[in-house]
Amino acid sequence: MDRVLGTAIGIAAVCLILSIFASHLQELWASFSARRASSLEMSLRNMLGDEQLMKAFFAHPLIQNISFSPTKTSFFRGNAPVAPRPSYIPADQFNKVLQSVLVTVNNLKTADLPGVIASMPDSPLKSRLRTLTIGIESDVKACNSAVEKWYDDTMDRLNGLYKRHTQIALFYLGLVLALLCNVNLLRVGRTLWTSEPTRAQLTSLAEQYKCEGTVNCANEKYWQARHDLESNLALLPIGYQSLQVSAYFSEARNDKHYPWSMFGMWAINLTGWLLTAVAISLGAPFWFDLVNKFVNIRMVGQKPPSAKGLAPDSESRS
């Protein structure tokens, strides 16, 4: 059982380290490309359905106060907004700004939401707002709550879409990391299964990651020990031993099983790299939780200290 847990902890620790690195790269790319701001702008455009309302909405002082200019030096811009845009808007603030913009754009005299909806000219937005407030037209508070819930539901769907895009980005980043660092989960798993020193080293690293914010976690010795473990994973089959490609191919051709031996090796490599990419796409929080669970199971399953030394004392007390 200890062998199985050690192998599982080792694989989870390797995936955790790679996932943390891939997540940092993904967040860096997301900040340069202003993905959150562009996704929010796209959702608001679909909700409002009017370009004039969109311009007035983003020009409102409350929105300008939480808007930031995107990075202009990045070549990852893509569909990033060119003007300052917010990456997040609270539901109550969206509702207030929307009402203010509707009153201003349509030159309305009323200020309460049911009156604003009734006085608006026909448009897709008016149809949506009237549908949201059917049966509660006389209750201003309920109408405001309905609009805020509409916004929150839209943001929930947007967050789900953003997470799916993030997972796809992590998969491709994981595949690049697997190829560049030659991290093959099949070979890593085999090494962990057959090598007890490797399992012990990865288990020690996992226990360092399990540190839960106590005084010892802030100690310099803790971080030094964790850095030493991360920097000395030489027992794992990670990285390329040599870049002598011609020597490798000549050696492979001399194999009596050529070309099947080479085909089998590359099949294992590609499968292992793809498994690594899929594992990284699950994200660092997933592997962090899994490492904690495996370490807790292992610690619970450890054999308790012997009570042989306590026997004389108990006899003497009796």
Protein backbone atom coordinates (compact mmCIF):
# COMPACT_ATOMS: atom_id res chain seq x y z
CA MET A 1 0.00 0.00 0.00
CA ASP A 2 2.87 2.36 0.83
CA ARG A 3 4.30 1.72 -2.63
CA VAL A 4 1.02 2.62 -4.34
CA LEU A 5 0.58 5.77 -2.24
CA GLY A 6 4.19 6.80 -2.81
CA THR A 7 3.79 6.48 -6.57
CA ALA A 8 0.52 8.41 -6.53
CA ILE A 9 2.01 11.16 -4.35
CA GLY A 10 5.04 11.43 -6.62
CA ILE A 11 2.97 11.75 -9.80
CA ALA A 12 0.68 14.31 -8.14
CA ALA A 13 3.69 16.33 -6.92
CA VAL A 14 5.24 16.43 -10.41
CA CYS A 15 1.91 17.49 -11.92
CA LEU A 16 1.50 20.14 -9.21
CA ILE A 17 4.89 21.72 -9.96
CA LEU A 18 4.23 21.78 -13.71
CA SER A 19 0.66 23.05 -13.21
CA ILE A 20 1.87 25.95 -11.06
CA PHE A 21 4.36 26.94 -13.75
CA ALA A 22 1.77 26.59 -16.54
CA SER A 23 -0.78 28.60 -14.53
CA HIS A 24 1.69 31.45 -14.12
CA LEU A 25 2.33 31.47 -17.86
CA GLN A 26 -1.40 31.38 -18.61
CA GLU A 27 -2.14 34.26 -16.23
CA LEU A 28 0.69 36.26 -17.77
CA TRP A 29 -0.75 35.72 -21.23
CA ALA A 30 -4.27 36.55 -19.99
CA SER A 31 -3.09 39.84 -18.45
CA PHE A 32 -1.24 40.90 -21.61
CA SER A 33 -4.16 39.98 -23.86
CA ALA A 34 -6.78 41.49 -21.47
CA ARG A 35 -8.91 38.37 -21.79
CA ARG A 36 -11.14 39.12 -18.80
CA ALA A 37 -11.88 42.67 -19.95
CA SER A 38 -12.59 41.58 -23.52
CA SER A 39 -14.84 38.73 -22.35
CA LEU A 40 -16.80 41.11 -20.11
CA GLU A 41 -17.18 43.62 -22.93
CA MET A 42 -18.46 40.90 -25.27
CA SER A 43 -21.06 39.76 -22.72
CA LEU A 44 -22.27 43.31 -22.06
CA ARG A 45 -22.58 43.94 -25.79
CA ASN A 46 -24.81 40.88 -26.07
CA MET A 47 -26.88 41.98 -23.06
CA LEU A 48 -27.42 45.60 -24.11
CA GLY A 49 -27.66 44.96 -27.85
CA ASP A 50 -27.03 48.61 -28.76
CA GLU A 51 -23.72 50.24 -29.63
CA GLN A 52 -24.82 53.67 -28.43
CA LEU A 53 -25.78 52.24 -25.05
CA MET A 54 -22.45 50.42 -24.91
CA LYS A 55 -20.48 53.64 -25.43
CA ALA A 56 -22.56 55.50 -22.86
CA PHE A 57 -22.25 52.61 -20.39
CA PHE A 58 -18.45 52.45 -20.53
CA ALA A 59 -18.20 56.25 -20.50
CA HIS A 60 -20.11 56.45 -17.22
CA PRO A 61 -17.97 57.81 -14.34
CA LEU A 62 -18.63 54.76 -12.13
CA ILE A 63 -17.37 52.44 -14.87
CA GLN A 64 -14.44 54.68 -15.78
CA ASN A 65 -13.40 54.58 -12.13
CA ILE A 66 -12.77 50.79 -12.31
CA SER A 67 -11.45 50.70 -15.91
CA PHE A 68 -7.81 50.20 -16.79
CA SER A 69 -5.94 50.54 -20.06
CA PRO A 70 -4.75 47.25 -21.60
CA THR A 71 -1.08 46.60 -22.16
CA LYS A 72 -0.16 48.19 -25.48
CA THR A 73 3.24 46.57 -25.97
CA SER A 74 1.96 43.02 -26.17
CA PHE A 75 1.70 41.09 -29.44
CA PHE A 76 -0.85 38.79 -27.74
CA ARG A 77 -3.54 41.46 -27.98
CA GLY A 78 -5.85 39.72 -30.45
CA ASN A 79 -9.36 40.98 -29.67
CA ALA A 80 -8.32 42.94 -26.59
CA PRO A 81 -10.14 46.26 -26.13
CA VAL A 82 -8.25 49.37 -27.20
CA ALA A 83 -9.95 51.69 -24.68
CA PRO A 84 -9.83 51.37 -20.86
CA ARG A 85 -12.18 48.61 -19.76
CA PRO A 86 -13.04 46.98 -16.41
CA SER A 87 -12.36 43.30 -15.82
CA TYR A 88 -15.18 43.00 -13.26
CA ILE A 89 -18.37 44.95 -12.45
CA PRO A 90 -20.52 44.23 -9.35
CA ALA A 91 -24.17 43.42 -10.05
CA ASP A 92 -25.59 46.36 -8.09
CA GLN A 93 -23.23 48.76 -9.86
CA PHE A 94 -24.25 47.36 -13.26
CA ASN A 95 -27.90 47.93 -12.40
CA LYS A 96 -27.35 51.52 -11.27
CA VAL A 97 -25.23 52.45 -14.28
CA LEU A 98 -27.69 50.78 -16.67
CA GLN A 99 -30.62 52.79 -15.29
CA SER A 100 -28.62 56.01 -15.38
CA VAL A 101 -27.57 55.41 -18.99
CA LEU A 102 -31.12 54.51 -20.09
CA VAL A 103 -32.47 57.70 -18.56
CA THR A 104 -29.76 59.84 -20.17
CA VAL A 105 -29.76 58.26 -23.64
CA ASN A 106 -33.55 58.21 -23.95
CA ASN A 107 -34.11 61.62 -22.24
CA LEU A 108 -36.49 60.14 -19.70
CA LYS A 109 -37.93 62.01 -16.73
CA THR A 110 -38.63 58.97 -14.56
CA ALA A 111 -35.86 57.39 -12.48
CA ASP A 112 -37.33 54.14 -11.09
CA LEU A 113 -36.70 50.98 -13.09
CA PRO A 114 -40.32 50.03 -13.91
CA GLY A 115 -40.96 53.56 -15.20
CA VAL A 116 -37.73 53.52 -17.22
CA ILE A 117 -38.69 50.24 -18.86
CA ALA A 118 -42.19 51.48 -19.70
CA SER A 119 -40.88 54.74 -21.19
CA MET A 120 -38.11 53.18 -23.29
CA PRO A 121 -38.52 52.94 -27.07
CA ASP A 122 -38.99 49.46 -28.46
CA SER A 123 -35.72 47.58 -28.61
CA PRO A 124 -34.30 44.10 -27.82
CA LEU A 125 -33.13 45.39 -24.43
CA LYS A 126 -36.64 46.63 -23.55
CA SER A 127 -38.07 43.22 -24.44
CA ARG A 128 -35.52 41.53 -22.18
CA LEU A 129 -36.16 43.87 -19.27
CA ARG A 130 -39.94 43.57 -19.61
CA THR A 131 -39.64 39.78 -19.63
CA LEU A 132 -37.48 39.87 -16.50
CA THR A 133 -40.00 42.04 -14.63
CA ILE A 134 -43.27 40.39 -15.66
CA GLY A 135 -45.60 40.27 -12.66
CA ILE A 136 -43.43 42.48 -10.44
CA GLU A 137 -43.78 45.79 -12.30
CA SER A 138 -45.17 47.52 -9.20
CA ASP A 139 -42.30 46.41 -6.95
CA VAL A 140 -39.20 48.52 -7.60
CA LYS A 141 -36.96 46.46 -5.31
CA ALA A 142 -38.00 43.19 -6.94
CA CYS A 143 -37.35 44.66 -10.41
CA ASN A 144 -33.86 45.72 -9.38
CA SER A 145 -33.20 42.27 -7.94
CA ALA A 146 -34.38 40.64 -11.19
CA VAL A 147 -31.99 42.74 -13.30
CA GLU A 148 -29.10 42.03 -10.92
CA LYS A 149 -29.85 38.29 -11.04
CA TRP A 150 -29.90 38.47 -14.85
CA TYR A 151 -26.45 40.02 -14.75
CA ASP A 152 -25.14 37.48 -12.21
CA ASP A 153 -26.46 34.56 -14.28
CA THR A 154 -24.77 35.98 -17.38
CA MET A 155 -21.48 36.34 -15.48
CA ASP A 156 -21.76 32.75 -14.26
CA ARG A 157 -22.01 31.54 -17.84
CA LEU A 158 -19.13 33.83 -18.78
CA ASN A 159 -17.00 32.38 -15.97
CA GLY A 160 -17.75 28.88 -17.18
CA LEU A 161 -16.69 29.84 -20.70
CA TYR A 162 -13.55 31.52 -19.36
CA LYS A 163 -12.65 28.39 -17.35
CA ARG A 164 -13.05 26.19 -20.43
CA HIS A 165 -10.80 28.50 -22.45
CA THR A 166 -8.30 28.53 -19.59
CA GLN A 167 -8.30 24.73 -19.48
CA ILE A 168 -7.64 24.56 -23.23
CA ALA A 169 -4.80 27.08 -22.86
CA LEU A 170 -3.34 25.04 -19.99
CA PHE A 171 -3.48 21.90 -22.14
CA TYR A 172 -1.42 23.48 -24.91
CA LEU A 173 0.97 25.04 -22.41
CA GLY A 174 1.28 21.65 -20.72
CA LEU A 175 2.05 19.97 -24.01
CA VAL A 176 4.78 22.53 -24.72
CA LEU A 177 6.24 22.03 -21.23
CA ALA A 178 6.09 18.25 -21.62
CA LEU A 179 7.99 18.44 -24.92
CA LEU A 180 10.55 21.03 -23.79
CA CYS A 181 11.25 19.35 -20.44
CA ASN A 182 10.61 15.78 -21.64
CA VAL A 183 8.13 15.06 -18.84
CA ASN A 184 6.59 11.70 -19.70
CA LEU A 185 4.12 10.57 -17.05
CA LEU A 186 4.45 6.94 -18.16
CA ARG A 187 8.20 6.95 -17.55
CA VAL A 188 7.81 9.02 -14.37
CA GLY A 189 5.25 6.55 -13.03
CA ARG A 190 7.45 3.56 -13.87
CA THR A 191 10.46 5.13 -12.14
CA LEU A 192 8.42 5.94 -9.04
CA TRP A 193 7.04 2.40 -8.93
CA THR A 194 10.47 0.75 -9.18
CA SER A 195 12.64 3.22 -7.21
CA GLU A 196 12.08 3.64 -3.47
CA PRO A 197 14.56 6.59 -3.14
CA THR A 198 12.66 8.49 -5.83
CA ARG A 199 9.36 7.87 -4.07
CA ALA A 200 10.85 9.06 -0.78
CA GLN A 201 12.16 12.24 -2.38
CA LEU A 202 8.84 13.10 -4.04
CA THR A 203 6.94 12.26 -0.85
CA SER A 204 9.15 14.67 1.10
CA LEU A 205 8.47 17.35 -1.49
CA ALA A 206 4.72 16.72 -1.29
CA GLU A 207 4.83 17.07 2.49
CA GLN A 208 6.57 20.42 2.04
CA TYR A 209 3.73 21.58 -0.23
CA LYS A 210 1.21 20.40 2.36
CA CYS A 211 2.43 23.01 4.86
CA GLU A 212 -0.74 24.88 5.91
CA GLY A 213 0.41 28.37 6.83
CA THR A 214 1.81 27.61 10.28
CA VAL A 215 4.84 29.32 11.82
CA ASN A 216 7.14 26.65 10.38
CA CYS A 217 5.92 27.39 6.85
CA ALA A 218 7.20 30.97 7.12
CA ASN A 219 10.59 29.82 8.37
CA GLU A 220 13.54 30.32 6.01
CA LYS A 221 14.65 26.74 6.62
CA TYR A 222 11.31 25.49 5.29
CA TRP A 223 11.67 27.40 2.03
CA GLN A 224 15.31 26.36 1.71
CA ALA A 225 14.39 22.71 2.19
CA ARG A 226 11.56 22.98 -0.33
CA HIS A 227 13.84 24.72 -2.86
CA ASP A 228 16.50 22.03 -2.41
CA LEU A 229 13.97 19.27 -3.03
CA GLU A 230 12.58 20.96 -6.13
CA SER A 231 16.07 21.61 -7.52
CA ASN A 232 17.42 18.09 -6.98
CA LEU A 233 14.89 15.78 -8.60
CA ALA A 234 17.70 14.10 -10.52
CA LEU A 235 16.29 10.62 -9.90
CA LEU A 236 13.28 11.33 -12.13
CA PRO A 237 13.47 10.63 -15.87
CA ILE A 238 12.86 14.30 -16.73
CA GLY A 239 14.79 16.26 -19.35
CA TYR A 240 16.94 15.21 -22.29
CA GLN A 241 20.13 13.37 -21.56
CA SER A 242 21.74 14.20 -24.89
CA LEU A 243 21.12 16.17 -28.05
CA GLN A 244 23.16 13.86 -30.27
CA VAL A 245 20.35 13.04 -32.66
CA SER A 246 22.52 11.40 -35.33
CA ALA A 247 24.09 9.03 -32.78
CA TYR A 248 20.64 8.11 -31.50
CA PHE A 249 19.29 7.26 -34.96
CA SER A 250 22.37 5.23 -35.85
CA GLU A 251 22.00 3.25 -32.61
CA ALA A 252 18.30 2.72 -33.30
CA ARG A 253 19.03 1.40 -36.80
CA ASN A 254 21.43 -1.18 -35.37
CA ASP A 255 18.63 -2.58 -33.22
CA LYS A 256 17.44 -5.93 -34.58
CA HIS A 257 13.84 -4.88 -33.98
CA TYR A 258 14.19 -1.65 -36.00
CA PRO A 259 11.94 0.11 -37.01
CA TRP A 260 9.42 -1.33 -34.54
CA SER A 261 11.60 -0.46 -31.57
CA MET A 262 11.72 3.19 -32.63
CA PHE A 263 7.98 3.21 -33.32
CA GLY A 264 7.24 1.77 -29.89
CA MET A 265 9.51 4.28 -28.16
CA TRP A 266 7.89 7.25 -29.88
CA ALA A 267 4.42 5.86 -29.20
CA ILE A 268 5.29 5.73 -25.49
CA ASN A 269 6.75 9.24 -25.63
CA LEU A 270 3.76 10.77 -27.39
CA THR A 271 1.29 9.02 -25.07
CA GLY A 272 3.24 10.14 -22.00
CA TRP A 273 3.50 13.73 -23.22
CA LEU A 274 -0.23 13.86 -23.95
CA LEU A 275 -0.98 12.47 -20.48
CA THR A 276 1.23 15.18 -18.99
CA ALA A 277 -0.62 17.87 -20.95
CA VAL A 278 -4.01 16.53 -19.85
CA ALA A 279 -2.82 16.41 -16.22
CA ILE A 280 -1.58 20.02 -16.35
CA SER A 281 -4.88 21.17 -17.87
CA LEU A 282 -6.64 20.08 -14.65
CA GLY A 283 -5.01 23.03 -12.91
CA ALA A 284 -2.80 23.56 -9.87
CA PRO A 285 -5.69 23.66 -7.31
CA PHE A 286 -6.77 20.15 -8.37
CA TRP A 287 -3.29 18.70 -7.87
CA PHE A 288 -2.72 20.64 -4.65
CA ASP A 289 -5.89 19.14 -3.14
CA LEU A 290 -4.94 15.68 -4.41
CA VAL A 291 -1.44 15.91 -2.92
CA ASN A 292 -2.94 16.89 0.45
CA LYS A 293 -5.40 13.99 0.35
CA PHE A 294 -2.73 11.44 -0.56
CA VAL A 295 -0.33 12.73 2.10
CA ASN A 296 -3.08 12.64 4.74
CA ILE A 297 -3.96 9.06 3.80
CA ARG A 298 -0.32 8.07 4.00
CA MET A 299 0.16 9.73 7.39
CA VAL A 300 -2.98 8.12 8.78
CA GLY A 301 -1.83 4.75 7.52
CA GLN A 302 1.60 4.95 9.11
CA LYS A 303 2.40 2.47 11.81
CA PRO A 304 2.13 4.01 15.31
CA PRO A 305 5.23 4.07 17.53
CA SER A 306 5.88 0.99 19.62
CA ALA A 307 4.59 1.01 23.17
CA LYS A 308 7.23 -1.46 24.30
CA GLY A 309 9.13 1.24 26.10
CA LEU A 310 6.03 2.21 28.08
CA ALA A 311 5.58 -1.24 29.61
CA PRO A 312 8.07 -0.88 32.50
CA ASP A 313 6.54 2.41 33.58
CA SER A 314 3.05 0.99 33.56
CA GLU A 315 4.20 -2.02 35.57
CA SER A 316 5.96 0.17 38.09
CA ARG A 317 2.89 2.33 38.54
CA SER A 318 0.81 -0.76 39.19
